[in-house]
Each structure stands twice: as C-alpha cells, then as structure tokens.
Amino acid sequence: MARKSTITPETVAAAAEALIARGEPVTNKSVLSEIGSGSMSTLVPLLQT
C-alpha cells in the first residue's frame, strides 16, 4: 500500500518562503530540513517548479 507524501507543492513553497524570509539559502537540503520529513526524490521536482 502506497503512503501519502507529506511533501506537497504548498509545503515546498512555504518552506522556501520561510528560508528566504530568514535570509537563508534555498537548497534541496535546507528545504527538506525545514519541512522536517520526506524524500529528495519527491522534493527536487517540486522545488524546481
């Protein structure tokens, strides 16, 4: 049975905006850390858009 991803376009956007607001770089690793869970394979395509 497939699990539902905790990473959505909305969570990625919110994490990136929070990092920008704090003056921190928006990288794959920093966004994943900000979200707190998930996988790079799910995150990367969402962050690129």
C-alpha atoms as a PDB file:
ATOM      1  CA  MET A   1       0.000   0.000   0.000  1.00  0.00           C
ATOM      2  CA  ALA A   2       1.451   3.373  -1.005  1.00  0.00           C
ATOM      3  CA  ARG A   3       1.991   6.049   1.607  1.00  0.00           C
ATOM      4  CA  LYS A   4       0.758   9.573   1.087  1.00  0.00           C
ATOM      5  CA  SER A   5       3.570  12.069   0.646  1.00  0.00           C
ATOM      6  CA  THR A   6       3.952  14.799   3.242  1.00  0.00           C
ATOM      7  CA  ILE A   7       5.677  16.957   0.643  1.00  0.00           C
ATOM      8  CA  THR A   8       3.260  18.962  -1.476  1.00  0.00           C
ATOM      9  CA  PRO A   9       3.792  21.976  -3.732  1.00  0.00           C
ATOM     10  CA  GLU A  10       2.321  24.100  -0.947  1.00  0.00           C
ATOM     11  CA  THR A  11       4.665  22.774   1.755  1.00  0.00           C
ATOM     12  CA  VAL A  12       7.676  23.261  -0.514  1.00  0.00           C
ATOM     13  CA  ALA A  13       6.639  26.841  -1.312  1.00  0.00           C
ATOM     14  CA  ALA A  14       6.028  27.636   2.357  1.00  0.00           C
ATOM     15  CA  ALA A  15       9.395  26.202   3.375  1.00  0.00           C
ATOM     16  CA  ALA A  16      11.215  28.137   0.640  1.00  0.00           C
ATOM     17  CA  GLU A  17       9.449  31.362   1.623  1.00  0.00           C
ATOM     18  CA  ALA A  18      10.370  30.843   5.279  1.00  0.00           C
ATOM     19  CA  LEU A  19      14.023  30.334   4.348  1.00  0.00           C
ATOM     20  CA  ILE A  20      14.030  33.446   2.165  1.00  0.00           C
ATOM     21  CA  ALA A  21      12.408  35.485   4.935  1.00  0.00           C
ATOM     22  CA  ARG A  22      15.234  34.459   7.274  1.00  0.00           C
ATOM     23  CA  GLY A  23      17.854  35.266   4.649  1.00  0.00           C
ATOM     24  CA  GLU A  24      18.950  31.639   4.327  1.00  0.00           C
ATOM     25  CA  PRO A  25      19.785  29.929   1.029  1.00  0.00           C
ATOM     26  CA  VAL A  26      17.074  27.825  -0.571  1.00  0.00           C
ATOM     27  CA  THR A  27      18.680  24.478  -1.307  1.00  0.00           C
ATOM     28  CA  ASN A  28      17.265  20.987  -1.583  1.00  0.00           C
ATOM     29  CA  LYS A  29      18.731  20.082   1.801  1.00  0.00           C
ATOM     30  CA  SER A  30      17.579  23.261   3.557  1.00  0.00           C
ATOM     31  CA  VAL A  31      14.019  22.927   2.254  1.00  0.00           C
ATOM     32  CA  LEU A  32      13.862  19.271   3.285  1.00  0.00           C
ATOM     33  CA  SER A  33      15.169  20.213   6.718  1.00  0.00           C
ATOM     34  CA  GLU A  34      12.585  22.991   7.000  1.00  0.00           C
ATOM     35  CA  ILE A  35       9.765  20.590   6.100  1.00  0.00           C
ATOM     36  CA  GLY A  36      11.096  18.000   8.511  1.00  0.00           C
ATOM     37  CA  SER A  37      10.359  14.830   6.569  1.00  0.00           C
ATOM     38  CA  GLY A  38      10.111  13.402   3.083  1.00  0.00           C
ATOM     39  CA  SER A  39      12.476  12.340   0.354  1.00  0.00           C
ATOM     40  CA  MET A  40      14.713  14.149  -2.075  1.00  0.00           C
ATOM     41  CA  SER A  41      13.137  12.288  -4.987  1.00  0.00           C
ATOM     42  CA  THR A  42       9.799  13.887  -4.145  1.00  0.00           C
ATOM     43  CA  LEU A  43      11.193  17.273  -3.192  1.00  0.00           C
ATOM     44  CA  VAL A  44      13.509  18.067  -6.104  1.00  0.00           C
ATOM     45  CA  PRO A  45      10.901  18.166  -8.902  1.00  0.00           C
ATOM     46  CA  LEU A  46       8.606  20.311  -6.743  1.00  0.00           C
ATOM     47  CA  LEU A  47      11.384  22.728  -5.830  1.00  0.00           C
ATOM     48  CA  GLN A  48      12.442  23.108  -9.470  1.00  0.00           C
ATOM     49  CA  THR A  49       8.979  24.376 -10.414  1.00  0.00           C
END
